[in-house]
Amino acid sequence: MTSSEHGQPNQSGTGDQILRGILVVGILLVTPLVVWQFLVPITLAHPLGIVVSSLLVALIGLGLYTIAEGELPSLVRP
């Protein structure tokens, strides 16, 4: 039996939301460093650098969305 079946509110959702919020804020703080340290040199050093950089930025965005929403976007879901 879960705690909600005993008449007590289920508090795990709040903890999950707080953890997701912390993860999203952490990623948002680290992303500029990653972009500056890795994506800018890749973009400048190689002819396909812009393609690689674009894919990495898309993956960062997908990761942020997945953490924030708790599931993959409908375009990516199998």
PDB file of N, CA and C in Angstrom:
ATOM      1  N   MET A   1       0.833  -1.189   0.000  1.00  0.00           N
ATOM      2  CA  MET A   1       0.000   0.000   0.000  1.00  0.00           C
ATOM      3  C   MET A   1       0.873   1.246   0.000  1.00  0.00           C
ATOM      4  N   THR A   2       0.444   2.207  -0.741  1.00  0.00           N
ATOM      5  CA  THR A   2       1.177   3.470  -0.763  1.00  0.00           C
ATOM      6  C   THR A   2       0.662   4.383   0.339  1.00  0.00           C
ATOM      7  N   SER A   3       1.401   5.447   0.583  1.00  0.00           N
ATOM      8  CA  SER A   3       0.990   6.359   1.649  1.00  0.00           C
ATOM      9  C   SER A   3      -0.325   7.060   1.313  1.00  0.00           C
ATOM     10  N   SER A   4      -0.631   7.238   0.024  1.00  0.00           N
ATOM     11  CA  SER A   4      -1.878   7.911  -0.334  1.00  0.00           C
ATOM     12  C   SER A   4      -3.086   7.025  -0.053  1.00  0.00           C
ATOM     13  N   GLU A   5      -2.908   5.705  -0.010  1.00  0.00           N
ATOM     14  CA  GLU A   5      -4.013   4.806   0.309  1.00  0.00           C
ATOM     15  C   GLU A   5      -4.362   4.849   1.789  1.00  0.00           C
ATOM     16  N   HIS A   6      -3.454   5.323   2.607  1.00  0.00           N
ATOM     17  CA  HIS A   6      -3.697   5.440   4.040  1.00  0.00           C
ATOM     18  C   HIS A   6      -4.231   6.813   4.409  1.00  0.00           C
ATOM     19  N   GLY A   7      -4.549   7.632   3.425  1.00  0.00           N
ATOM     20  CA  GLY A   7      -5.083   8.953   3.703  1.00  0.00           C
ATOM     21  C   GLY A   7      -4.026  10.023   3.862  1.00  0.00           C
ATOM     22  N   GLN A   8      -2.753   9.654   3.730  1.00  0.00           N
ATOM     23  CA  GLN A   8      -1.680  10.631   3.837  1.00  0.00           C
ATOM     24  C   GLN A   8      -1.305  11.098   2.433  1.00  0.00           C
ATOM     25  N   PRO A   9      -1.021  12.369   2.279  1.00  0.00           N
ATOM     26  CA  PRO A   9      -0.632  12.851   0.947  1.00  0.00           C
ATOM     27  C   PRO A   9       0.702  12.261   0.520  1.00  0.00           C
ATOM     28  N   ASN A  10       0.835  12.040  -0.757  1.00  0.00           N
ATOM     29  CA  ASN A  10       2.063  11.501  -1.312  1.00  0.00           C
ATOM     30  C   ASN A  10       3.038  12.654  -1.552  1.00  0.00           C
ATOM     31  N   GLN A  11       4.154  12.671  -0.840  1.00  0.00           N
ATOM     32  CA  GLN A  11       5.103  13.780  -0.908  1.00  0.00           C
ATOM     33  C   GLN A  11       6.244  13.540  -1.885  1.00  0.00           C
ATOM     34  N   SER A  12       6.309  12.373  -2.527  1.00  0.00           N
ATOM     35  CA  SER A  12       7.446  12.083  -3.396  1.00  0.00           C
ATOM     36  C   SER A  12       7.456  12.976  -4.629  1.00  0.00           C
ATOM     37  N   GLY A  13       6.300  13.429  -5.097  1.00  0.00           N
ATOM     38  CA  GLY A  13       6.243  14.303  -6.260  1.00  0.00           C
ATOM     39  C   GLY A  13       6.952  15.617  -6.016  1.00  0.00           C
ATOM     40  N   THR A  14       6.809  16.169  -4.823  1.00  0.00           N
ATOM     41  CA  THR A  14       7.462  17.430  -4.487  1.00  0.00           C
ATOM     42  C   THR A  14       8.971  17.263  -4.474  1.00  0.00           C
ATOM     43  N   GLY A  15       9.447  16.179  -3.892  1.00  0.00           N
ATOM     44  CA  GLY A  15      10.887  15.911  -3.875  1.00  0.00           C
ATOM     45  C   GLY A  15      11.446  15.739  -5.268  1.00  0.00           C
ATOM     46  N   ASP A  16      10.693  15.067  -6.136  1.00  0.00           N
ATOM     47  CA  ASP A  16      11.123  14.896  -7.523  1.00  0.00           C
ATOM     48  C   ASP A  16      11.205  16.235  -8.237  1.00  0.00           C
ATOM     49  N   GLN A  17      10.228  17.098  -7.995  1.00  0.00           N
ATOM     50  CA  GLN A  17      10.234  18.411  -8.643  1.00  0.00           C
ATOM     51  C   GLN A  17      11.417  19.251  -8.174  1.00  0.00           C
ATOM     52  N   ILE A  18      11.726  19.181  -6.893  1.00  0.00           N
ATOM     53  CA  ILE A  18      12.866  19.934  -6.363  1.00  0.00           C
ATOM     54  C   ILE A  18      14.163  19.414  -6.970  1.00  0.00           C
ATOM     55  N   LEU A  19      14.314  18.089  -7.042  1.00  0.00           N
ATOM     56  CA  LEU A  19      15.515  17.497  -7.623  1.00  0.00           C
ATOM     57  C   LEU A  19      15.650  17.871  -9.094  1.00  0.00           C
ATOM     58  N   ARG A  20      14.552  17.817  -9.826  1.00  0.00           N
ATOM     59  CA  ARG A  20      14.592  18.207 -11.242  1.00  0.00           C
ATOM     60  C   ARG A  20      14.966  19.677 -11.383  1.00  0.00           C
ATOM     61  N   GLY A  21      14.415  20.520 -10.525  1.00  0.00           N
ATOM     62  CA  GLY A  21      14.751  21.940 -10.573  1.00  0.00           C
ATOM     63  C   GLY A  21      16.228  22.184 -10.319  1.00  0.00           C
ATOM     64  N   ILE A  22      16.787  21.481  -9.342  1.00  0.00           N
ATOM     65  CA  ILE A  22      18.217  21.619  -9.044  1.00  0.00           C
ATOM     66  C   ILE A  22      19.052  21.160 -10.233  1.00  0.00           C
ATOM     67  N   LEU A  23      18.665  20.039 -10.847  1.00  0.00           N
ATOM     68  CA  LEU A  23      19.401  19.541 -12.008  1.00  0.00           C
ATOM     69  C   LEU A  23      19.333  20.520 -13.178  1.00  0.00           C
ATOM     70  N   VAL A  24      18.157  21.060 -13.434  1.00  0.00           N
ATOM     71  CA  VAL A  24      18.007  22.005 -14.547  1.00  0.00           C
ATOM     72  C   VAL A  24      18.843  23.258 -14.298  1.00  0.00           C
ATOM     73  N   VAL A  25      18.801  23.794 -13.093  1.00  0.00           N
ATOM     74  CA  VAL A  25      19.594  24.989 -12.776  1.00  0.00           C
ATOM     75  C   VAL A  25      21.084  24.685 -12.911  1.00  0.00           C
ATOM     76  N   GLY A  26      21.508  23.520 -12.425  1.00  0.00           N
ATOM     77  CA  GLY A  26      22.913  23.131 -12.551  1.00  0.00           C
ATOM     78  C   GLY A  26      23.351  23.028 -13.996  1.00  0.00           C
ATOM     79  N   ILE A  27      22.524  22.413 -14.817  1.00  0.00           N
ATOM     80  CA  ILE A  27      22.864  22.280 -16.234  1.00  0.00           C
ATOM     81  C   ILE A  27      22.891  23.647 -16.906  1.00  0.00           C
ATOM     82  N   LEU A  28      21.940  24.503 -16.559  1.00  0.00           N
ATOM     83  CA  LEU A  28      21.930  25.840 -17.154  1.00  0.00           C
ATOM     84  C   LEU A  28      23.161  26.652 -16.750  1.00  0.00           C
ATOM     85  N   LEU A  29      23.670  26.419 -15.557  1.00  0.00           N
ATOM     86  CA  LEU A  29      24.872  27.125 -15.132  1.00  0.00           C
ATOM     87  C   LEU A  29      26.130  26.570 -15.800  1.00  0.00           C
ATOM     88  N   VAL A  30      26.149  25.270 -16.078  1.00  0.00           N
ATOM     89  CA  VAL A  30      27.328  24.629 -16.665  1.00  0.00           C
ATOM     90  C   VAL A  30      27.357  24.776 -18.188  1.00  0.00           C
ATOM     91  N   THR A  31      26.191  24.908 -18.817  1.00  0.00           N
ATOM     92  CA  THR A  31      26.119  24.941 -20.282  1.00  0.00           C
ATOM     93  C   THR A  31      26.985  26.038 -20.909  1.00  0.00           C
ATOM     94  N   PRO A  32      26.996  27.278 -20.411  1.00  0.00           N
ATOM     95  CA  PRO A  32      27.877  28.280 -21.038  1.00  0.00           C
ATOM     96  C   PRO A  32      29.352  27.887 -20.995  1.00  0.00           C
ATOM     97  N   LEU A  33      29.779  27.259 -19.902  1.00  0.00           N
ATOM     98  CA  LEU A  33      31.165  26.803 -19.810  1.00  0.00           C
ATOM     99  C   LEU A  33      31.444  25.733 -20.861  1.00  0.00           C
ATOM    100  N   VAL A  34      30.520  24.789 -21.012  1.00  0.00           N
ATOM    101  CA  VAL A  34      30.685  23.729 -22.009  1.00  0.00           C
ATOM    102  C   VAL A  34      30.738  24.332 -23.406  1.00  0.00           C
ATOM    103  N   VAL A  35      29.844  25.263 -23.678  1.00  0.00           N
ATOM    104  CA  VAL A  35      29.816  25.893 -25.003  1.00  0.00           C
ATOM    105  C   VAL A  35      31.137  26.612 -25.264  1.00  0.00           C
ATOM    106  N   TRP A  36      31.609  27.373 -24.303  1.00  0.00           N
ATOM    107  CA  TRP A  36      32.822  28.150 -24.515  1.00  0.00           C
ATOM    108  C   TRP A  36      34.055  27.258 -24.617  1.00  0.00           C
ATOM    109  N   GLN A  37      34.175  26.245 -23.761  1.00  0.00           N
ATOM    110  CA  GLN A  37      35.376  25.418 -23.719  1.00  0.00           C
ATOM    111  C   GLN A  37      35.440  24.374 -24.829  1.00  0.00           C
ATOM    112  N   PHE A  38      34.284  23.870 -25.271  1.00  0.00           N
ATOM    113  CA  PHE A  38      34.283  22.758 -26.218  1.00  0.00           C
ATOM    114  C   PHE A  38      33.698  23.119 -27.577  1.00  0.00           C
ATOM    115  N   LEU A  39      32.542  23.779 -27.595  1.00  0.00           N
ATOM    116  CA  LEU A  39      31.870  23.998 -28.869  1.00  0.00           C
ATOM    117  C   LEU A  39      32.527  25.081 -29.710  1.00  0.00           C
ATOM    118  N   VAL A  40      33.003  26.143 -29.096  1.00  0.00           N
ATOM    119  CA  VAL A  40      33.642  27.212 -29.869  1.00  0.00           C
ATOM    120  C   VAL A  40      34.916  26.712 -30.552  1.00  0.00           C
ATOM    121  N   PRO A  41      35.824  26.011 -29.857  1.00  0.00           N
ATOM    122  CA  PRO A  41      37.012  25.491 -30.561  1.00  0.00           C
ATOM    123  C   PRO A  41      36.672  24.475 -31.656  1.00  0.00           C
ATOM    124  N   ILE A  42      35.667  23.625 -31.412  1.00  0.00           N
ATOM    125  CA  ILE A  42      35.264  22.657 -32.439  1.00  0.00           C
ATOM    126  C   ILE A  42      34.745  23.395 -33.662  1.00  0.00           C
ATOM    127  N   THR A  43      33.919  24.401 -33.438  1.00  0.00           N
ATOM    128  CA  THR A  43      33.331  25.154 -34.551  1.00  0.00           C
ATOM    129  C   THR A  43      34.409  25.863 -35.363  1.00  0.00           C
ATOM    130  N   LEU A  44      35.396  26.414 -34.696  1.00  0.00           N
ATOM    131  CA  LEU A  44      36.430  27.173 -35.393  1.00  0.00           C
ATOM    132  C   LEU A  44      37.494  26.285 -36.030  1.00  0.00           C
ATOM    133  N   ALA A  45      37.699  25.085 -35.505  1.00  0.00           N
ATOM    134  CA  ALA A  45      38.814  24.252 -35.939  1.00  0.00           C
ATOM    135  C   ALA A  45      38.482  23.312 -37.087  1.00  0.00           C
ATOM    136  N   HIS A  46      37.234  23.048 -37.346  1.00  0.00           N
ATOM    137  CA  HIS A  46      36.891  22.017 -38.324  1.00  0.00           C
ATOM    138  C   HIS A  46      35.772  22.517 -39.232  1.00  0.00           C
ATOM    139  N   PRO A  47      35.813  22.143 -40.516  1.00  0.00           N
ATOM    140  CA  PRO A  47      34.747  22.581 -41.428  1.00  0.00           C
ATOM    141  C   PRO A  47      33.353  22.090 -41.028  1.00  0.00           C
ATOM    142  N   LEU A  48      33.274  20.916 -40.431  1.00  0.00           N
ATOM    143  CA  LEU A  48      31.982  20.388 -39.980  1.00  0.00           C
ATOM    144  C   LEU A  48      31.685  20.764 -38.532  1.00  0.00           C
ATOM    145  N   GLY A  49      32.470  21.674 -37.978  1.00  0.00           N
ATOM    146  CA  GLY A  49      32.306  22.045 -36.581  1.00  0.00           C
ATOM    147  C   GLY A  49      30.933  22.591 -36.258  1.00  0.00           C
ATOM    148  N   ILE A  50      30.357  23.357 -37.172  1.00  0.00           N
ATOM    149  CA  ILE A  50      29.029  23.930 -36.908  1.00  0.00           C
ATOM    150  C   ILE A  50      27.973  22.841 -36.833  1.00  0.00           C
ATOM    151  N   VAL A  51      28.131  21.778 -37.630  1.00  0.00           N
ATOM    152  CA  VAL A  51      27.178  20.659 -37.593  1.00  0.00           C
ATOM    153  C   VAL A  51      27.292  19.930 -36.260  1.00  0.00           C
ATOM    154  N   VAL A  52      28.525  19.639 -35.862  1.00  0.00           N
ATOM    155  CA  VAL A  52      28.747  18.945 -34.591  1.00  0.00           C
ATOM    156  C   VAL A  52      28.248  19.803 -33.432  1.00  0.00           C
ATOM    157  N   SER A  53      28.552  21.082 -33.465  1.00  0.00           N
ATOM    158  CA  SER A  53      28.111  21.981 -32.397  1.00  0.00           C
ATOM    159  C   SER A  53      26.591  22.061 -32.328  1.00  0.00           C
ATOM    160  N   SER A  54      25.943  22.112 -33.482  1.00  0.00           N
ATOM    161  CA  SER A  54      24.477  22.170 -33.503  1.00  0.00           C
ATOM    162  C   SER A  54      23.866  20.915 -32.904  1.00  0.00           C
ATOM    163  N   LEU A  55      24.442  19.756 -33.231  1.00  0.00           N
ATOM    164  CA  LEU A  55      23.937  18.502 -32.659  1.00  0.00           C
ATOM    165  C   LEU A  55      24.133  18.463 -31.148  1.00  0.00           C
ATOM    166  N   LEU A  56      25.280  18.933 -30.675  1.00  0.00           N
ATOM    167  CA  LEU A  56      25.524  18.937 -29.232  1.00  0.00           C
ATOM    168  C   LEU A  56      24.577  19.889 -28.506  1.00  0.00           C
ATOM    169  N   VAL A  57      24.310  21.042 -29.085  1.00  0.00           N
ATOM    170  CA  VAL A  57      23.365  21.982 -28.470  1.00  0.00           C
ATOM    171  C   VAL A  57      21.965  21.375 -28.446  1.00  0.00           C
ATOM    172  N   ALA A  58      21.586  20.675 -29.519  1.00  0.00           N
ATOM    173  CA  ALA A  58      20.278  20.007 -29.546  1.00  0.00           C
ATOM    174  C   ALA A  58      20.194  18.932 -28.467  1.00  0.00           C
ATOM    175  N   LEU A  59      21.276  18.181 -28.259  1.00  0.00           N
ATOM    176  CA  LEU A  59      21.278  17.157 -27.207  1.00  0.00           C
ATOM    177  C   LEU A  59      21.191  17.789 -25.817  1.00  0.00           C
ATOM    178  N   ILE A  60      21.854  18.915 -25.617  1.00  0.00           N
ATOM    179  CA  ILE A  60      21.749  19.615 -24.330  1.00  0.00           C
ATOM    180  C   ILE A  60      20.300  20.044 -24.093  1.00  0.00           C
ATOM    181  N   GLY A  61      19.664  20.595 -25.125  1.00  0.00           N
ATOM    182  CA  GLY A  61      18.261  21.003 -25.004  1.00  0.00           C
ATOM    183  C   GLY A  61      17.343  19.831 -24.732  1.00  0.00           C
ATOM    184  N   LEU A  62      17.577  18.710 -25.413  1.00  0.00           N
ATOM    185  CA  LEU A  62      16.774  17.506 -25.187  1.00  0.00           C
ATOM    186  C   LEU A  62      16.947  17.005 -23.760  1.00  0.00           C
ATOM    187  N   GLY A  63      18.178  17.046 -23.268  1.00  0.00           N
ATOM    188  CA  GLY A  63      18.428  16.626 -21.892  1.00  0.00           C
ATOM    189  C   GLY A  63      17.731  17.516 -20.881  1.00  0.00           C
ATOM    190  N   LEU A  64      17.769  18.822 -21.103  1.00  0.00           N
ATOM    191  CA  LEU A  64      17.076  19.751 -20.206  1.00  0.00           C
ATOM    192  C   LEU A  64      15.576  19.506 -20.207  1.00  0.00           C
ATOM    193  N   TYR A  65      15.007  19.324 -21.385  1.00  0.00           N
ATOM    194  CA  TYR A  65      13.564  19.075 -21.479  1.00  0.00           C
ATOM    195  C   TYR A  65      13.199  17.774 -20.771  1.00  0.00           C
ATOM    196  N   THR A  66      14.002  16.743 -20.992  1.00  0.00           N
ATOM    197  CA  THR A  66      13.719  15.439 -20.388  1.00  0.00           C
ATOM    198  C   THR A  66      13.775  15.516 -18.869  1.00  0.00           C
ATOM    199  N   ILE A  67      14.770  16.214 -18.340  1.00  0.00           N
ATOM    200  CA  ILE A  67      14.872  16.348 -16.887  1.00  0.00           C
ATOM    201  C   ILE A  67      13.714  17.178 -16.345  1.00  0.00           C
ATOM    202  N   ALA A  68      13.383  18.269 -17.014  1.00  0.00           N
ATOM    203  CA  ALA A  68      12.336  19.166 -16.519  1.00  0.00           C
ATOM    204  C   ALA A  68      10.961  18.513 -16.578  1.00  0.00           C
ATOM    205  N   GLU A  69      10.658  17.811 -17.648  1.00  0.00           N
ATOM    206  CA  GLU A  69       9.330  17.230 -17.826  1.00  0.00           C
ATOM    207  C   GLU A  69       9.235  15.795 -17.320  1.00  0.00           C
ATOM    208  N   GLY A  70      10.356  15.126 -17.168  1.00  0.00           N
ATOM    209  CA  GLY A  70      10.337  13.749 -16.695  1.00  0.00           C
ATOM    210  C   GLY A  70      10.073  12.730 -17.785  1.00  0.00           C
ATOM    211  N   GLU A  71       9.984  13.168 -19.021  1.00  0.00           N
ATOM    212  CA  GLU A  71       9.788  12.243 -20.139  1.00  0.00           C
ATOM    213  C   GLU A  71      10.325  12.886 -21.411  1.00  0.00           C
ATOM    214  N   LEU A  72      10.565  12.038 -22.408  1.00  0.00           N
ATOM    215  CA  LEU A  72      11.064  12.545 -23.680  1.00  0.00           C
ATOM    216  C   LEU A  72       9.964  13.300 -24.416  1.00  0.00           C
ATOM    217  N   PRO A  73      10.326  14.275 -25.240  1.00  0.00           N
ATOM    218  CA  PRO A  73       9.315  14.953 -26.051  1.00  0.00           C
ATOM    219  C   PRO A  73       8.648  13.980 -27.018  1.00  0.00           C
ATOM    220  N   SER A  74       7.446  14.295 -27.448  1.00  0.00           N
ATOM    221  CA  SER A  74       6.686  13.383 -28.303  1.00  0.00           C
ATOM    222  C   SER A  74       7.379  13.141 -29.639  1.00  0.00           C
ATOM    223  N   LEU A  75       8.191  14.064 -30.116  1.00  0.00           N
ATOM    224  CA  LEU A  75       8.902  13.865 -31.382  1.00  0.00           C
ATOM    225  C   LEU A  75       9.981  12.797 -31.282  1.00  0.00           C
ATOM    226  N   VAL A  76      10.491  12.549 -30.083  1.00  0.00           N
ATOM    227  CA  VAL A  76      11.608  11.626 -29.899  1.00  0.00           C
ATOM    228  C   VAL A  76      11.146  10.271 -29.381  1.00  0.00           C
ATOM    229  N   ARG A  77       9.976  10.240 -28.746  1.00  0.00           N
ATOM    230  CA  ARG A  77       9.485   8.986 -28.165  1.00  0.00           C
ATOM    231  C   ARG A  77       9.303   7.922 -29.236  1.00  0.00           C
ATOM    232  N   PRO A  78       9.656   6.664 -28.924  1.00  0.00           N
ATOM    233  CA  PRO A  78       9.447   5.575 -29.899  1.00  0.00           C
ATOM    234  C   PRO A  78       7.983   5.236 -30.052  1.00  0.00           C
TER     235      PRO A  78
END
